[in-house]
PDB file of all heavy atoms in Angstrom:
ATOM      1  N   ARG A   1     -62.333   1.812  14.484  1.00  0.00           N
ATOM      2  CA  ARG A   1     -63.574   1.380  13.835  1.00  0.00           C
ATOM      3  C   ARG A   1     -64.785   2.110  14.423  1.00  0.00           C
ATOM      4  O   ARG A   1     -65.651   2.589  13.682  1.00  0.00           O
ATOM      5  CB  ARG A   1     -63.721  -0.126  14.011  1.00  0.00           C
ATOM      6  CG  ARG A   1     -64.930  -0.727  13.320  1.00  0.00           C
ATOM      7  CD  ARG A   1     -64.943  -2.225  13.541  1.00  0.00           C
ATOM      8  NE  ARG A   1     -66.075  -2.886  12.916  1.00  0.00           N
ATOM      9  CZ  ARG A   1     -66.336  -4.190  13.039  1.00  0.00           C
ATOM     10  NH1 ARG A   1     -65.517  -4.953  13.779  1.00  0.00           N
ATOM     11  NH2 ARG A   1     -67.381  -4.724  12.442  1.00  0.00           N
ATOM     12  N   VAL A   2     -64.831   2.212  15.754  1.00  0.00           N
ATOM     13  CA  VAL A   2     -65.954   2.894  16.399  1.00  0.00           C
ATOM     14  C   VAL A   2     -65.938   4.380  16.057  1.00  0.00           C
ATOM     15  O   VAL A   2     -66.990   4.981  15.787  1.00  0.00           O
ATOM     16  CB  VAL A   2     -65.902   2.683  17.933  1.00  0.00           C
ATOM     17  CG1 VAL A   2     -66.994   3.495  18.622  1.00  0.00           C
ATOM     18  CG2 VAL A   2     -66.058   1.205  18.270  1.00  0.00           C
ATOM     19  N   TYR A   3     -64.747   4.981  16.049  1.00  0.00           N
ATOM     20  CA  TYR A   3     -64.642   6.409  15.736  1.00  0.00           C
ATOM     21  C   TYR A   3     -65.113   6.689  14.312  1.00  0.00           C
ATOM     22  O   TYR A   3     -65.831   7.671  14.061  1.00  0.00           O
ATOM     23  CB  TYR A   3     -63.201   6.878  15.914  1.00  0.00           C
ATOM     24  CG  TYR A   3     -62.997   8.342  15.581  1.00  0.00           C
ATOM     25  CD1 TYR A   3     -63.349   9.339  16.488  1.00  0.00           C
ATOM     26  CD2 TYR A   3     -62.461   8.725  14.354  1.00  0.00           C
ATOM     27  CE1 TYR A   3     -63.174  10.681  16.188  1.00  0.00           C
ATOM     28  CE2 TYR A   3     -62.279  10.064  14.041  1.00  0.00           C
ATOM     29  CZ  TYR A   3     -62.635  11.035  14.956  1.00  0.00           C
ATOM     30  OH  TYR A   3     -62.462  12.361  14.651  1.00  0.00           O
ATOM     31  N   ARG A   4     -64.737   5.812  13.383  1.00  0.00           N
ATOM     32  CA  ARG A   4     -65.138   6.002  11.992  1.00  0.00           C
ATOM     33  C   ARG A   4     -66.660   5.942  11.848  1.00  0.00           C
ATOM     34  O   ARG A   4     -67.265   6.746  11.131  1.00  0.00           O
ATOM     35  CB  ARG A   4     -64.475   4.931  11.125  1.00  0.00           C
ATOM     36  CG  ARG A   4     -64.717   5.137   9.628  1.00  0.00           C
ATOM     37  CD  ARG A   4     -63.933   4.152   8.779  1.00  0.00           C
ATOM     38  NE  ARG A   4     -64.344   2.767   9.027  1.00  0.00           N
ATOM     39  CZ  ARG A   4     -63.620   1.866   9.687  1.00  0.00           C
ATOM     40  NH1 ARG A   4     -62.429   2.207  10.188  1.00  0.00           N
ATOM     41  NH2 ARG A   4     -64.062   0.637   9.861  1.00  0.00           N
ATOM     42  N   ARG A   5     -67.308   4.988  12.554  1.00  0.00           N
ATOM     43  CA  ARG A   5     -68.773   4.907  12.502  1.00  0.00           C
ATOM     44  C   ARG A   5     -69.425   6.090  13.219  1.00  0.00           C
ATOM     45  O   ARG A   5     -70.493   6.580  12.801  1.00  0.00           O
ATOM     46  CB  ARG A   5     -69.255   3.596  13.126  1.00  0.00           C
ATOM     47  CG  ARG A   5     -68.648   2.331  12.545  1.00  0.00           C
ATOM     48  CD  ARG A   5     -68.874   2.184  11.069  1.00  0.00           C
ATOM     49  NE  ARG A   5     -70.281   2.109  10.709  1.00  0.00           N
ATOM     50  CZ  ARG A   5     -70.716   1.884   9.472  1.00  0.00           C
ATOM     51  NH1 ARG A   5     -69.832   1.756   8.468  1.00  0.00           N
ATOM     52  NH2 ARG A   5     -72.008   1.816   9.209  1.00  0.00           N
ATOM     53  N   ALA A   6     -68.784   6.572  14.290  1.00  0.00           N
ATOM     54  CA  ALA A   6     -69.351   7.703  15.043  1.00  0.00           C
ATOM     55  C   ALA A   6     -69.372   8.972  14.209  1.00  0.00           C
ATOM     56  O   ALA A   6     -70.275   9.817  14.366  1.00  0.00           O
ATOM     57  CB  ALA A   6     -68.562   7.924  16.322  1.00  0.00           C
ATOM     58  N   ARG A   7     -68.388   9.139  13.335  1.00  0.00           N
ATOM     59  CA  ARG A   7     -68.343  10.349  12.516  1.00  0.00           C
ATOM     60  C   ARG A   7     -69.514  10.432  11.530  1.00  0.00           C
ATOM     61  O   ARG A   7     -69.791  11.487  10.985  1.00  0.00           O
ATOM     62  CB  ARG A   7     -67.013  10.394  11.738  1.00  0.00           C
ATOM     63  CG  ARG A   7     -65.848  10.822  12.579  1.00  0.00           C
ATOM     64  CD  ARG A   7     -65.934  12.303  12.974  1.00  0.00           C
ATOM     65  NE  ARG A   7     -65.774  13.182  11.810  1.00  0.00           N
ATOM     66  CZ  ARG A   7     -66.711  13.950  11.303  1.00  0.00           C
ATOM     67  NH1 ARG A   7     -67.907  13.991  11.850  1.00  0.00           N
ATOM     68  NH2 ARG A   7     -66.471  14.702  10.245  1.00  0.00           N
ATOM     69  N   ARG A   8     -70.241   9.312  11.338  1.00  0.00           N
ATOM     70  CA  ARG A   8     -71.415   9.336  10.482  1.00  0.00           C
ATOM     71  C   ARG A   8     -72.603  10.019  11.169  1.00  0.00           C
ATOM     72  O   ARG A   8     -73.537  10.461  10.496  1.00  0.00           O
ATOM     73  CB  ARG A   8     -71.829   7.911  10.094  1.00  0.00           C
ATOM     74  CG  ARG A   8     -70.839   7.215   9.166  1.00  0.00           C
ATOM     75  CD  ARG A   8     -71.196   5.738   9.024  1.00  0.00           C
ATOM     76  NE  ARG A   8     -70.390   5.113   7.987  1.00  0.00           N
ATOM     77  CZ  ARG A   8     -70.803   4.854   6.748  1.00  0.00           C
ATOM     78  NH1 ARG A   8     -72.037   5.191   6.395  1.00  0.00           N
ATOM     79  NH2 ARG A   8     -70.018   4.288   5.859  1.00  0.00           N
ATOM     80  N   GLN A   9     -72.567  10.076  12.509  1.00  0.00           N
ATOM     81  CA  GLN A   9     -73.708  10.628  13.244  1.00  0.00           C
ATOM     82  C   GLN A   9     -73.341  11.806  14.138  1.00  0.00           C
ATOM     83  O   GLN A   9     -74.233  12.534  14.585  1.00  0.00           O
ATOM     84  CB  GLN A   9     -74.345   9.530  14.113  1.00  0.00           C
ATOM     85  CG  GLN A   9     -74.837   8.329  13.321  1.00  0.00           C
ATOM     86  CD  GLN A   9     -75.586   7.347  14.178  1.00  0.00           C
ATOM     87  OE1 GLN A   9     -76.515   7.739  14.900  1.00  0.00           O
ATOM     88  NE2 GLN A   9     -75.206   6.073  14.117  1.00  0.00           N
ATOM     89  N   PHE A  10     -72.039  11.974  14.436  1.00  0.00           N
ATOM     90  CA  PHE A  10     -71.608  13.037  15.345  1.00  0.00           C
ATOM     91  C   PHE A  10     -70.451  13.801  14.709  1.00  0.00           C
ATOM     92  O   PHE A  10     -69.628  13.241  13.975  1.00  0.00           O
ATOM     93  CB  PHE A  10     -71.168  12.462  16.690  1.00  0.00           C
ATOM     94  CG  PHE A  10     -72.253  11.741  17.429  1.00  0.00           C
ATOM     95  CD1 PHE A  10     -72.422  10.369  17.286  1.00  0.00           C
ATOM     96  CD2 PHE A  10     -73.131  12.434  18.259  1.00  0.00           C
ATOM     97  CE1 PHE A  10     -73.428   9.691  17.958  1.00  0.00           C
ATOM     98  CE2 PHE A  10     -74.146  11.768  18.937  1.00  0.00           C
ATOM     99  CZ  PHE A  10     -74.291  10.401  18.783  1.00  0.00           C
ATOM    100  N   SER A  11     -70.394  15.063  15.055  1.00  0.00           N
ATOM    101  CA  SER A  11     -69.307  15.902  14.533  1.00  0.00           C
ATOM    102  C   SER A  11     -68.035  15.702  15.347  1.00  0.00           C
ATOM    103  O   SER A  11     -68.055  15.125  16.447  1.00  0.00           O
ATOM    104  CB  SER A  11     -69.729  17.374  14.581  1.00  0.00           C
ATOM    105  OG  SER A  11     -69.868  17.793  15.940  1.00  0.00           O
ATOM    106  N   GLU A  12     -66.921  16.195  14.814  1.00  0.00           N
ATOM    107  CA  GLU A  12     -65.646  16.110  15.549  1.00  0.00           C
ATOM    108  C   GLU A  12     -65.730  16.881  16.858  1.00  0.00           C
ATOM    109  O   GLU A  12     -65.174  16.465  17.879  1.00  0.00           O
ATOM    110  CB  GLU A  12     -64.512  16.660  14.681  1.00  0.00           C
ATOM    111  CG  GLU A  12     -64.209  15.815  13.449  1.00  0.00           C
ATOM    112  CD  GLU A  12     -63.133  16.426  12.582  1.00  0.00           C
ATOM    113  OE1 GLU A  12     -62.810  17.630  12.815  1.00  0.00           O
ATOM    114  OE2 GLU A  12     -62.618  15.746  11.679  1.00  0.00           O
ATOM    115  N   GLU A  13     -66.411  18.034  16.837  1.00  0.00           N
ATOM    116  CA  GLU A  13     -66.540  18.830  18.050  1.00  0.00           C
ATOM    117  C   GLU A  13     -67.308  18.060  19.136  1.00  0.00           C
ATOM    118  O   GLU A  13     -66.951  18.099  20.317  1.00  0.00           O
ATOM    119  CB  GLU A  13     -67.267  20.148  17.744  1.00  0.00           C
ATOM    120  CG  GLU A  13     -66.484  21.114  16.857  1.00  0.00           C
ATOM    121  CD  GLU A  13     -66.587  20.769  15.392  1.00  0.00           C
ATOM    122  OE1 GLU A  13     -67.341  19.827  15.041  1.00  0.00           O
ATOM    123  OE2 GLU A  13     -65.929  21.432  14.579  1.00  0.00           O
ATOM    124  N   GLU A  14     -68.379  17.351  18.743  1.00  0.00           N
ATOM    125  CA  GLU A  14     -69.176  16.608  19.715  1.00  0.00           C
ATOM    126  C   GLU A  14     -68.374  15.452  20.323  1.00  0.00           C
ATOM    127  O   GLU A  14     -68.444  15.192  21.538  1.00  0.00           O
ATOM    128  CB  GLU A  14     -70.449  16.080  19.054  1.00  0.00           C
ATOM    129  CG  GLU A  14     -71.447  17.184  18.716  1.00  0.00           C
ATOM    130  CD  GLU A  14     -72.603  16.684  17.873  1.00  0.00           C
ATOM    131  OE1 GLU A  14     -72.397  15.708  17.108  1.00  0.00           O
ATOM    132  OE2 GLU A  14     -73.703  17.268  17.965  1.00  0.00           O
ATOM    133  N   ILE A  15     -67.617  14.754  19.511  1.00  0.00           N
ATOM    134  CA  ILE A  15     -66.823  13.632  20.025  1.00  0.00           C
ATOM    135  C   ILE A  15     -65.700  14.144  20.926  1.00  0.00           C
ATOM    136  O   ILE A  15     -65.404  13.566  21.974  1.00  0.00           O
ATOM    137  CB  ILE A  15     -66.264  12.795  18.849  1.00  0.00           C
ATOM    138  CG1 ILE A  15     -67.413  12.222  18.017  1.00  0.00           C
ATOM    139  CG2 ILE A  15     -65.374  11.678  19.378  1.00  0.00           C
ATOM    140  CD1 ILE A  15     -66.971  11.476  16.769  1.00  0.00           C
ATOM    141  N   ALA A  16     -65.060  15.235  20.519  1.00  0.00           N
ATOM    142  CA  ALA A  16     -63.992  15.816  21.350  1.00  0.00           C
ATOM    143  C   ALA A  16     -64.545  16.270  22.695  1.00  0.00           C
ATOM    144  O   ALA A  16     -63.918  16.064  23.748  1.00  0.00           O
ATOM    145  CB  ALA A  16     -63.340  16.988  20.609  1.00  0.00           C
ATOM    146  N   GLU A  17     -65.712  16.869  22.691  1.00  0.00           N
ATOM    147  CA  GLU A  17     -66.334  17.292  23.952  1.00  0.00           C
ATOM    148  C   GLU A  17     -66.644  16.085  24.832  1.00  0.00           C
ATOM    149  O   GLU A  17     -66.474  16.129  26.056  1.00  0.00           O
ATOM    150  CB  GLU A  17     -67.628  18.058  23.652  1.00  0.00           C
ATOM    151  CG  GLU A  17     -68.380  18.493  24.911  1.00  0.00           C
ATOM    152  CD  GLU A  17     -69.768  19.008  24.600  1.00  0.00           C
ATOM    153  OE1 GLU A  17     -70.112  19.150  23.406  1.00  0.00           O
ATOM    154  OE2 GLU A  17     -70.534  19.255  25.563  1.00  0.00           O
ATOM    155  N   ALA A  18     -67.105  14.991  24.204  1.00  0.00           N
ATOM    156  CA  ALA A  18     -67.457  13.799  24.975  1.00  0.00           C
ATOM    157  C   ALA A  18     -66.258  13.245  25.726  1.00  0.00           C
ATOM    158  O   ALA A  18     -66.352  12.909  26.918  1.00  0.00           O
ATOM    159  CB  ALA A  18     -68.037  12.744  24.036  1.00  0.00           C
ATOM    160  N   PHE A  19     -65.106  13.171  25.081  1.00  0.00           N
ATOM    161  CA  PHE A  19     -63.929  12.596  25.741  1.00  0.00           C
ATOM    162  C   PHE A  19     -63.237  13.591  26.660  1.00  0.00           C
ATOM    163  O   PHE A  19     -62.488  13.199  27.549  1.00  0.00           O
ATOM    164  CB  PHE A  19     -62.965  12.021  24.697  1.00  0.00           C
ATOM    165  CG  PHE A  19     -63.425  10.698  24.162  1.00  0.00           C
ATOM    166  CD1 PHE A  19     -64.174  10.627  23.002  1.00  0.00           C
ATOM    167  CD2 PHE A  19     -63.155   9.530  24.850  1.00  0.00           C
ATOM    168  CE1 PHE A  19     -64.622   9.415  22.516  1.00  0.00           C
ATOM    169  CE2 PHE A  19     -63.605   8.308  24.379  1.00  0.00           C
ATOM    170  CZ  PHE A  19     -64.343   8.243  23.206  1.00  0.00           C
ATOM    171  N   ALA A  20     -63.510  14.867  26.475  1.00  0.00           N
ATOM    172  CA  ALA A  20     -63.016  15.847  27.440  1.00  0.00           C
ATOM    173  C   ALA A  20     -63.808  15.767  28.745  1.00  0.00           C
ATOM    174  O   ALA A  20     -63.294  16.078  29.821  1.00  0.00           O
ATOM    175  CB  ALA A  20     -63.112  17.253  26.852  1.00  0.00           C
ATOM    176  N   ALA A  21     -65.065  15.336  28.640  1.00  0.00           N
ATOM    177  CA  ALA A  21     -65.928  15.262  29.823  1.00  0.00           C
ATOM    178  C   ALA A  21     -65.844  13.923  30.535  1.00  0.00           C
ATOM    179  O   ALA A  21     -66.328  13.794  31.658  1.00  0.00           O
ATOM    180  CB  ALA A  21     -67.382  15.525  29.415  1.00  0.00           C
ATOM    181  N   THR A  22     -65.240  12.915  29.886  1.00  0.00           N
ATOM    182  CA  THR A  22     -65.291  11.548  30.414  1.00  0.00           C
ATOM    183  C   THR A  22     -63.913  11.071  30.814  1.00  0.00           C
ATOM    184  O   THR A  22     -62.993  11.021  29.995  1.00  0.00           O
ATOM    185  CB  THR A  22     -65.871  10.593  29.350  1.00  0.00           C
ATOM    186  OG1 THR A  22     -67.153  11.072  28.957  1.00  0.00           O
ATOM    187  CG2 THR A  22     -66.000   9.189  29.903  1.00  0.00           C
ATOM    188  N   ARG A  23     -63.796  10.698  32.087  1.00  0.00           N
ATOM    189  CA  ARG A  23     -62.596  10.052  32.599  1.00  0.00           C
ATOM    190  C   ARG A  23     -62.902   9.579  34.019  1.00  0.00           C
ATOM    191  O   ARG A  23     -63.683  10.187  34.738  1.00  0.00           O
ATOM    192  CB  ARG A  23     -61.402  11.011  32.619  1.00  0.00           C
ATOM    193  CG  ARG A  23     -61.568  12.177  33.574  1.00  0.00           C
ATOM    194  CD  ARG A  23     -60.410  13.172  33.457  1.00  0.00           C
ATOM    195  NE  ARG A  23     -60.472  14.194  34.499  1.00  0.00           N
ATOM    196  CZ  ARG A  23     -61.238  15.259  34.477  1.00  0.00           C
ATOM    197  NH1 ARG A  23     -62.037  15.447  33.439  1.00  0.00           N
ATOM    198  NH2 ARG A  23     -61.230  16.133  35.466  1.00  0.00           N
ATOM    199  N   GLY A  24     -62.282   8.493  34.415  1.00  0.00           N
ATOM    200  CA  GLY A  24     -62.351   8.025  35.801  1.00  0.00           C
ATOM    201  C   GLY A  24     -63.746   7.928  36.364  1.00  0.00           C
ATOM    202  O   GLY A  24     -64.510   7.002  36.074  1.00  0.00           O
ATOM    203  N   LEU A  25     -64.102   8.905  37.188  1.00  0.00           N
ATOM    204  CA  LEU A  25     -65.353   8.902  37.937  1.00  0.00           C
ATOM    205  C   LEU A  25     -66.573   8.805  37.055  1.00  0.00           C
ATOM    206  O   LEU A  25     -67.564   8.162  37.416  1.00  0.00           O
ATOM    207  CB  LEU A  25     -65.429  10.165  38.800  1.00  0.00           C
ATOM    208  CG  LEU A  25     -66.750  10.425  39.524  1.00  0.00           C
ATOM    209  CD1 LEU A  25     -66.995   9.367  40.584  1.00  0.00           C
ATOM    210  CD2 LEU A  25     -66.745  11.818  40.134  1.00  0.00           C
ATOM    211  N   THR A  26     -66.548   9.426  35.877  1.00  0.00           N
ATOM    212  CA  THR A  26     -67.733   9.471  35.023  1.00  0.00           C
ATOM    213  C   THR A  26     -67.970   8.156  34.281  1.00  0.00           C
ATOM    214  O   THR A  26     -68.999   8.007  33.633  1.00  0.00           O
ATOM    215  CB  THR A  26     -67.617  10.612  34.004  1.00  0.00           C
ATOM    216  OG1 THR A  26     -66.467  10.396  33.184  1.00  0.00           O
ATOM    217  CG2 THR A  26     -67.497  11.944  34.707  1.00  0.00           C
ATOM    218  N   MET A  27     -67.031   7.219  34.354  1.00  0.00           N
ATOM    219  CA  MET A  27     -67.223   5.902  33.743  1.00  0.00           C
ATOM    220  C   MET A  27     -67.811   4.958  34.783  1.00  0.00           C
ATOM    221  O   MET A  27     -67.359   4.924  35.922  1.00  0.00           O
ATOM    222  CB  MET A  27     -65.887   5.328  33.254  1.00  0.00           C
ATOM    223  CG  MET A  27     -65.172   6.135  32.216  1.00  0.00           C
ATOM    224  SD  MET A  27     -63.648   5.297  31.729  1.00  0.00           S
ATOM    225  CE  MET A  27     -62.808   6.607  30.835  1.00  0.00           C
ATOM    226  N   PRO A  28     -68.812   4.158  34.421  1.00  0.00           N
ATOM    227  CA  PRO A  28     -69.326   3.153  35.354  1.00  0.00           C
ATOM    228  C   PRO A  28     -68.214   2.209  35.799  1.00  0.00           C
ATOM    229  O   PRO A  28     -67.272   1.930  35.046  1.00  0.00           O
ATOM    230  CB  PRO A  28     -70.402   2.420  34.537  1.00  0.00           C
ATOM    231  CG  PRO A  28     -70.823   3.415  33.499  1.00  0.00           C
ATOM    232  CD  PRO A  28     -69.583   4.202  33.164  1.00  0.00           C
ATOM    233  N   SER A  29     -68.308   1.729  37.014  1.00  0.00           N
ATOM    234  CA  SER A  29     -67.236   0.895  37.580  1.00  0.00           C
ATOM    235  C   SER A  29     -67.004  -0.368  36.756  1.00  0.00           C
ATOM    236  O   SER A  29     -65.858  -0.819  36.612  1.00  0.00           O
ATOM    237  CB  SER A  29     -67.577   0.527  39.028  1.00  0.00           C
ATOM    238  OG  SER A  29     -68.829  -0.134  39.105  1.00  0.00           O
ATOM    239  N   GLN A  30     -68.067  -0.979  36.206  1.00  0.00           N
ATOM    240  CA  GLN A  30     -67.885  -2.180  35.395  1.00  0.00           C
ATOM    241  C   GLN A  30     -67.066  -1.870  34.150  1.00  0.00           C
ATOM    242  O   GLN A  30     -66.194  -2.652  33.752  1.00  0.00           O
ATOM    243  CB  GLN A  30     -69.239  -2.771  34.992  1.00  0.00           C
ATOM    244  CG  GLN A  30     -69.107  -4.086  34.235  1.00  0.00           C
ATOM    245  CD  GLN A  30     -70.354  -4.462  33.461  1.00  0.00           C
ATOM    246  OE1 GLN A  30     -71.153  -3.594  33.099  1.00  0.00           O
ATOM    247  NE2 GLN A  30     -70.547  -5.747  33.200  1.00  0.00           N
ATOM    248  N   LEU A  31     -67.313  -0.733  33.525  1.00  0.00           N
ATOM    249  CA  LEU A  31     -66.564  -0.350  32.337  1.00  0.00           C
ATOM    250  C   LEU A  31     -65.098  -0.119  32.682  1.00  0.00           C
ATOM    251  O   LEU A  31     -64.194  -0.580  31.961  1.00  0.00           O
ATOM    252  CB  LEU A  31     -67.186   0.904  31.714  1.00  0.00           C
ATOM    253  CG  LEU A  31     -66.473   1.495  30.490  1.00  0.00           C
ATOM    254  CD1 LEU A  31     -66.351   0.463  29.387  1.00  0.00           C
ATOM    255  CD2 LEU A  31     -67.214   2.734  29.998  1.00  0.00           C
TER     256      LEU A  31
END
């Protein structure tokens, strides 16, 4: 559901880059 709404404002390349850059350390500890 979130991905479908995100495609209305962001391209596939932008979303792919976001998840390539985010893992472990880059996520806040609460998340």
